[in-house]
Amino acid sequence: MTLKVEQGNEFTIIHIQNDSVDATSAKEISGIKDRMNQTTIMDFGPVMFINSAGISALLKLVIEARKQGKKLYAVNVTAHHRKVFEMVDMLRYMPIAKMEDLLPLIKA
């Protein structure tokens, strides 16, 4: 399992557990769209590499969250991945935040 999902009443935190977002984790990411709550946080903590299959899965998740009217945030993103997310215009709908800034949302 490359993802660990933590759920509360109004939030979901998706912790990516391995160092890459690739075809294997893309399949898991596509399977969590029905588990998103009003606020969903993607934790990229250990991620060092994201390939095209991973970007595609993340974009699909971002689109699905937007369709459902849910807020999606990214935390623990490297500077390199921030640039990649900017290039594919993902940050418009999945802004990067610090976990401590999101605590009020998940404690509400």
N, C-alpha and C. Protein backbone atom coordinates (compact mmCIF):
# COMPACT_ATOMS: atom_id res chain seq x y z
N MET A 1 0.85 -1.18 0.00
CA MET A 1 0.00 0.00 0.00
C MET A 1 0.89 1.24 0.00
N THR A 2 0.68 2.11 -0.97
CA THR A 2 1.49 3.31 -1.06
C THR A 2 0.79 4.54 -0.48
N LEU A 3 -0.49 4.37 -0.11
CA LEU A 3 -1.24 5.48 0.48
C LEU A 3 -1.82 5.08 1.82
N LYS A 4 -1.82 6.03 2.74
CA LYS A 4 -2.50 5.85 4.02
C LYS A 4 -3.54 6.96 4.11
N VAL A 5 -4.79 6.57 4.31
CA VAL A 5 -5.88 7.55 4.32
C VAL A 5 -6.38 7.71 5.75
N GLU A 6 -6.40 8.95 6.19
CA GLU A 6 -6.88 9.31 7.53
C GLU A 6 -8.15 10.15 7.33
N GLN A 7 -9.25 9.74 7.97
CA GLN A 7 -10.50 10.46 7.74
C GLN A 7 -11.12 10.94 9.03
N GLY A 8 -11.70 12.13 8.94
CA GLY A 8 -12.48 12.71 10.01
C GLY A 8 -13.85 13.03 9.47
N ASN A 9 -14.64 13.76 10.22
CA ASN A 9 -15.99 14.10 9.77
C ASN A 9 -15.99 14.98 8.53
N GLU A 10 -15.13 15.97 8.50
CA GLU A 10 -15.13 16.93 7.41
C GLU A 10 -13.83 16.95 6.62
N PHE A 11 -12.88 16.05 6.93
CA PHE A 11 -11.59 16.09 6.25
C PHE A 11 -11.08 14.69 5.93
N THR A 12 -10.20 14.65 4.95
CA THR A 12 -9.45 13.44 4.60
C THR A 12 -8.00 13.87 4.42
N ILE A 13 -7.09 13.11 5.00
CA ILE A 13 -5.66 13.34 4.76
C ILE A 13 -5.13 12.10 4.06
N ILE A 14 -4.54 12.30 2.90
CA ILE A 14 -3.96 11.20 2.13
C ILE A 14 -2.46 11.31 2.25
N HIS A 15 -1.87 10.37 2.97
CA HIS A 15 -0.41 10.35 3.15
C HIS A 15 0.18 9.42 2.10
N ILE A 16 1.02 9.97 1.25
CA ILE A 16 1.73 9.13 0.27
C ILE A 16 2.90 8.50 1.02
N GLN A 17 2.98 7.18 1.01
CA GLN A 17 3.91 6.46 1.86
C GLN A 17 5.24 6.10 1.19
N ASN A 18 5.35 6.24 -0.11
CA ASN A 18 6.62 5.89 -0.75
C ASN A 18 7.25 7.11 -1.40
N ASP A 19 8.41 6.91 -2.01
CA ASP A 19 9.16 8.06 -2.51
C ASP A 19 8.82 8.46 -3.94
N SER A 20 7.84 7.78 -4.56
CA SER A 20 7.47 8.17 -5.92
C SER A 20 5.97 8.09 -6.12
N VAL A 21 5.49 8.96 -7.00
CA VAL A 21 4.11 8.90 -7.45
C VAL A 21 4.23 8.47 -8.91
N ASP A 22 3.87 7.21 -9.15
CA ASP A 22 4.07 6.60 -10.46
C ASP A 22 2.84 5.78 -10.83
N ALA A 23 2.98 4.87 -11.78
CA ALA A 23 1.83 4.09 -12.25
C ALA A 23 1.21 3.27 -11.12
N THR A 24 2.02 2.75 -10.22
CA THR A 24 1.49 1.94 -9.11
C THR A 24 0.65 2.81 -8.18
N SER A 25 1.19 3.92 -7.73
CA SER A 25 0.43 4.78 -6.82
C SER A 25 -0.69 5.51 -7.55
N ALA A 26 -0.55 5.70 -8.86
CA ALA A 26 -1.61 6.35 -9.64
C ALA A 26 -2.90 5.56 -9.57
N LYS A 27 -2.79 4.24 -9.60
CA LYS A 27 -3.98 3.40 -9.48
C LYS A 27 -4.65 3.60 -8.13
N GLU A 28 -3.86 3.69 -7.09
CA GLU A 28 -4.42 3.92 -5.76
C GLU A 28 -5.03 5.32 -5.64
N ILE A 29 -4.36 6.31 -6.21
CA ILE A 29 -4.88 7.68 -6.15
C ILE A 29 -6.22 7.76 -6.86
N SER A 30 -6.35 7.09 -7.99
CA SER A 30 -7.63 7.14 -8.71
C SER A 30 -8.74 6.46 -7.92
N GLY A 31 -8.38 5.55 -7.02
CA GLY A 31 -9.39 4.86 -6.22
C GLY A 31 -9.86 5.60 -4.98
N ILE A 32 -9.25 6.73 -4.67
CA ILE A 32 -9.64 7.44 -3.44
C ILE A 32 -10.59 8.59 -3.68
N LYS A 33 -10.98 8.82 -4.92
CA LYS A 33 -11.84 9.98 -5.21
C LYS A 33 -13.16 9.93 -4.46
N ASP A 34 -13.66 8.74 -4.18
CA ASP A 34 -14.92 8.61 -3.45
C ASP A 34 -14.75 8.73 -1.94
N ARG A 35 -13.50 8.83 -1.49
CA ARG A 35 -13.24 8.94 -0.05
C ARG A 35 -12.89 10.36 0.38
N MET A 36 -12.92 11.29 -0.56
CA MET A 36 -12.60 12.68 -0.24
C MET A 36 -13.74 13.30 0.57
N ASN A 37 -13.37 14.09 1.57
CA ASN A 37 -14.34 14.88 2.33
C ASN A 37 -14.29 16.31 1.84
N GLN A 38 -15.01 17.19 2.53
CA GLN A 38 -15.06 18.60 2.12
C GLN A 38 -13.67 19.21 2.00
N THR A 39 -12.78 18.86 2.92
CA THR A 39 -11.38 19.28 2.85
C THR A 39 -10.53 18.03 2.73
N THR A 40 -9.72 17.96 1.69
CA THR A 40 -8.83 16.82 1.50
C THR A 40 -7.41 17.34 1.35
N ILE A 41 -6.49 16.71 2.09
CA ILE A 41 -5.09 17.13 2.11
C ILE A 41 -4.24 15.99 1.58
N MET A 42 -3.42 16.29 0.57
CA MET A 42 -2.46 15.31 0.04
C MET A 42 -1.11 15.61 0.67
N ASP A 43 -0.58 14.64 1.40
CA ASP A 43 0.72 14.80 2.06
C ASP A 43 1.79 14.13 1.21
N PHE A 44 2.65 14.94 0.61
CA PHE A 44 3.71 14.44 -0.28
C PHE A 44 5.03 14.23 0.46
N GLY A 45 4.99 14.10 1.78
CA GLY A 45 6.18 14.02 2.62
C GLY A 45 7.38 13.31 2.05
N PRO A 46 7.32 12.00 1.81
CA PRO A 46 8.51 11.29 1.35
C PRO A 46 8.73 11.30 -0.17
N VAL A 47 7.87 11.98 -0.92
CA VAL A 47 7.92 11.89 -2.39
C VAL A 47 9.14 12.63 -2.94
N MET A 48 9.92 11.91 -3.72
CA MET A 48 11.09 12.47 -4.38
C MET A 48 10.92 12.52 -5.90
N PHE A 49 9.99 11.69 -6.42
CA PHE A 49 9.84 11.55 -7.88
C PHE A 49 8.37 11.44 -8.23
N ILE A 50 7.95 12.18 -9.25
CA ILE A 50 6.60 12.07 -9.78
C ILE A 50 6.73 11.94 -11.30
N ASN A 51 6.22 10.83 -11.86
CA ASN A 51 6.31 10.68 -13.30
C ASN A 51 5.00 11.09 -13.96
N SER A 52 4.90 10.92 -15.26
CA SER A 52 3.72 11.39 -16.00
C SER A 52 2.44 10.67 -15.58
N ALA A 53 2.54 9.39 -15.24
CA ALA A 53 1.36 8.66 -14.77
C ALA A 53 0.89 9.24 -13.43
N GLY A 54 1.82 9.62 -12.59
CA GLY A 54 1.48 10.23 -11.31
C GLY A 54 0.85 11.59 -11.49
N ILE A 55 1.41 12.42 -12.37
CA ILE A 55 0.83 13.74 -12.64
C ILE A 55 -0.58 13.59 -13.19
N SER A 56 -0.77 12.65 -14.10
CA SER A 56 -2.09 12.42 -14.68
C SER A 56 -3.11 12.04 -13.60
N ALA A 57 -2.73 11.14 -12.71
CA ALA A 57 -3.64 10.72 -11.63
C ALA A 57 -3.95 11.88 -10.71
N LEU A 58 -2.95 12.69 -10.39
CA LEU A 58 -3.18 13.84 -9.52
C LEU A 58 -4.10 14.87 -10.19
N LEU A 59 -3.89 15.11 -11.48
CA LEU A 59 -4.77 16.04 -12.20
C LEU A 59 -6.21 15.55 -12.21
N LYS A 60 -6.39 14.26 -12.42
CA LYS A 60 -7.75 13.69 -12.41
C LYS A 60 -8.39 13.86 -11.04
N LEU A 61 -7.60 13.66 -9.98
CA LEU A 61 -8.11 13.84 -8.63
C LEU A 61 -8.50 15.29 -8.37
N VAL A 62 -7.67 16.21 -8.84
CA VAL A 62 -7.96 17.64 -8.70
C VAL A 62 -9.25 17.99 -9.42
N ILE A 63 -9.42 17.49 -10.63
CA ILE A 63 -10.64 17.75 -11.40
C ILE A 63 -11.85 17.18 -10.69
N GLU A 64 -11.73 15.96 -10.18
CA GLU A 64 -12.85 15.32 -9.48
C GLU A 64 -13.22 16.10 -8.22
N ALA A 65 -12.23 16.55 -7.47
CA ALA A 65 -12.49 17.34 -6.26
C ALA A 65 -13.24 18.61 -6.62
N ARG A 66 -12.80 19.24 -7.69
CA ARG A 66 -13.46 20.48 -8.12
C ARG A 66 -14.90 20.22 -8.54
N LYS A 67 -15.13 19.14 -9.27
CA LYS A 67 -16.49 18.78 -9.69
C LYS A 67 -17.40 18.57 -8.48
N GLN A 68 -16.83 17.97 -7.42
CA GLN A 68 -17.60 17.68 -6.21
C GLN A 68 -17.68 18.88 -5.27
N GLY A 69 -17.04 19.99 -5.62
CA GLY A 69 -17.07 21.18 -4.79
C GLY A 69 -16.24 21.04 -3.52
N LYS A 70 -15.21 20.22 -3.58
CA LYS A 70 -14.37 19.97 -2.41
C LYS A 70 -13.05 20.72 -2.54
N LYS A 71 -12.46 21.02 -1.41
CA LYS A 71 -11.18 21.72 -1.38
C LYS A 71 -10.06 20.69 -1.22
N LEU A 72 -9.05 20.82 -2.07
CA LEU A 72 -7.92 19.91 -2.08
C LEU A 72 -6.65 20.72 -1.87
N TYR A 73 -5.82 20.29 -0.92
CA TYR A 73 -4.57 20.99 -0.61
C TYR A 73 -3.41 20.00 -0.69
N ALA A 74 -2.22 20.52 -0.97
CA ALA A 74 -1.00 19.73 -0.96
C ALA A 74 -0.10 20.24 0.15
N VAL A 75 0.52 19.33 0.89
CA VAL A 75 1.49 19.71 1.92
C VAL A 75 2.77 18.92 1.72
N ASN A 76 3.85 19.45 2.26
CA ASN A 76 5.17 18.81 2.19
C ASN A 76 5.61 18.57 0.75
N VAL A 77 5.50 19.61 -0.06
CA VAL A 77 5.85 19.54 -1.48
C VAL A 77 7.24 20.14 -1.67
N THR A 78 8.10 19.46 -2.41
CA THR A 78 9.44 19.98 -2.67
C THR A 78 9.36 21.16 -3.65
N ALA A 79 10.41 21.95 -3.69
CA ALA A 79 10.46 23.09 -4.62
C ALA A 79 10.36 22.62 -6.07
N HIS A 80 11.00 21.51 -6.38
CA HIS A 80 10.93 20.96 -7.73
C HIS A 80 9.51 20.57 -8.10
N HIS A 81 8.82 19.88 -7.20
CA HIS A 81 7.45 19.46 -7.50
C HIS A 81 6.50 20.65 -7.57
N ARG A 82 6.80 21.68 -6.80
CA ARG A 82 6.00 22.92 -6.88
C ARG A 82 6.08 23.47 -8.31
N LYS A 83 7.28 23.47 -8.89
CA LYS A 83 7.45 23.96 -10.26
C LYS A 83 6.68 23.10 -11.25
N VAL A 84 6.73 21.79 -11.06
CA VAL A 84 5.99 20.88 -11.94
C VAL A 84 4.49 21.16 -11.81
N PHE A 85 4.00 21.29 -10.59
CA PHE A 85 2.58 21.57 -10.38
C PHE A 85 2.18 22.90 -11.02
N GLU A 86 3.08 23.89 -10.96
CA GLU A 86 2.81 25.18 -11.62
C GLU A 86 2.73 25.01 -13.13
N MET A 87 3.64 24.21 -13.69
CA MET A 87 3.68 24.01 -15.14
C MET A 87 2.39 23.37 -15.67
N VAL A 88 1.79 22.49 -14.90
CA VAL A 88 0.56 21.82 -15.36
C VAL A 88 -0.69 22.51 -14.79
N ASP A 89 -0.50 23.68 -14.19
CA ASP A 89 -1.59 24.51 -13.67
C ASP A 89 -2.42 23.80 -12.59
N MET A 90 -1.77 22.95 -11.81
CA MET A 90 -2.46 22.20 -10.77
C MET A 90 -2.68 23.05 -9.52
N LEU A 91 -1.83 24.04 -9.28
CA LEU A 91 -1.91 24.81 -8.04
C LEU A 91 -3.14 25.68 -7.95
N ARG A 92 -3.77 25.93 -9.07
CA ARG A 92 -4.99 26.74 -9.05
C ARG A 92 -6.08 26.04 -8.22
N TYR A 93 -6.11 24.72 -8.30
CA TYR A 93 -7.17 23.96 -7.63
C TYR A 93 -6.66 23.07 -6.51
N MET A 94 -5.34 22.95 -6.37
CA MET A 94 -4.74 22.22 -5.25
C MET A 94 -3.57 23.05 -4.74
N PRO A 95 -3.88 24.12 -3.99
CA PRO A 95 -2.80 24.98 -3.49
C PRO A 95 -1.90 24.25 -2.50
N ILE A 96 -0.67 24.70 -2.44
CA ILE A 96 0.29 24.15 -1.48
C ILE A 96 0.15 24.95 -0.19
N ALA A 97 0.09 24.23 0.91
CA ALA A 97 -0.06 24.87 2.22
C ALA A 97 0.85 24.17 3.22
N LYS A 98 0.96 24.76 4.39
CA LYS A 98 1.65 24.12 5.51
C LYS A 98 0.58 23.44 6.35
N MET A 99 0.90 22.27 6.85
CA MET A 99 -0.08 21.51 7.64
C MET A 99 -0.59 22.34 8.81
N GLU A 100 0.29 23.10 9.46
CA GLU A 100 -0.15 23.88 10.62
C GLU A 100 -1.17 24.95 10.22
N ASP A 101 -1.10 25.43 8.98
CA ASP A 101 -2.09 26.39 8.51
C ASP A 101 -3.45 25.75 8.25
N LEU A 102 -3.45 24.45 8.02
CA LEU A 102 -4.70 23.73 7.73
C LEU A 102 -5.35 23.14 8.98
N LEU A 103 -4.65 23.17 10.10
CA LEU A 103 -5.20 22.58 11.34
C LEU A 103 -6.57 23.13 11.72
N PRO A 104 -6.81 24.44 11.58
CA PRO A 104 -8.17 24.91 11.90
C PRO A 104 -9.24 24.27 11.04
N LEU A 105 -8.92 23.94 9.80
CA LEU A 105 -9.90 23.29 8.91
C LEU A 105 -10.22 21.88 9.34
N ILE A 106 -9.21 21.17 9.85
CA ILE A 106 -9.44 19.77 10.21
C ILE A 106 -9.89 19.59 11.66
N LYS A 107 -9.77 20.65 12.44
CA LYS A 107 -10.23 20.58 13.82
C LYS A 107 -11.64 21.15 14.00
N ALA A 108 -12.17 21.71 12.91
CA ALA A 108 -13.50 22.33 12.97
C ALA A 108 -14.59 21.28 13.11
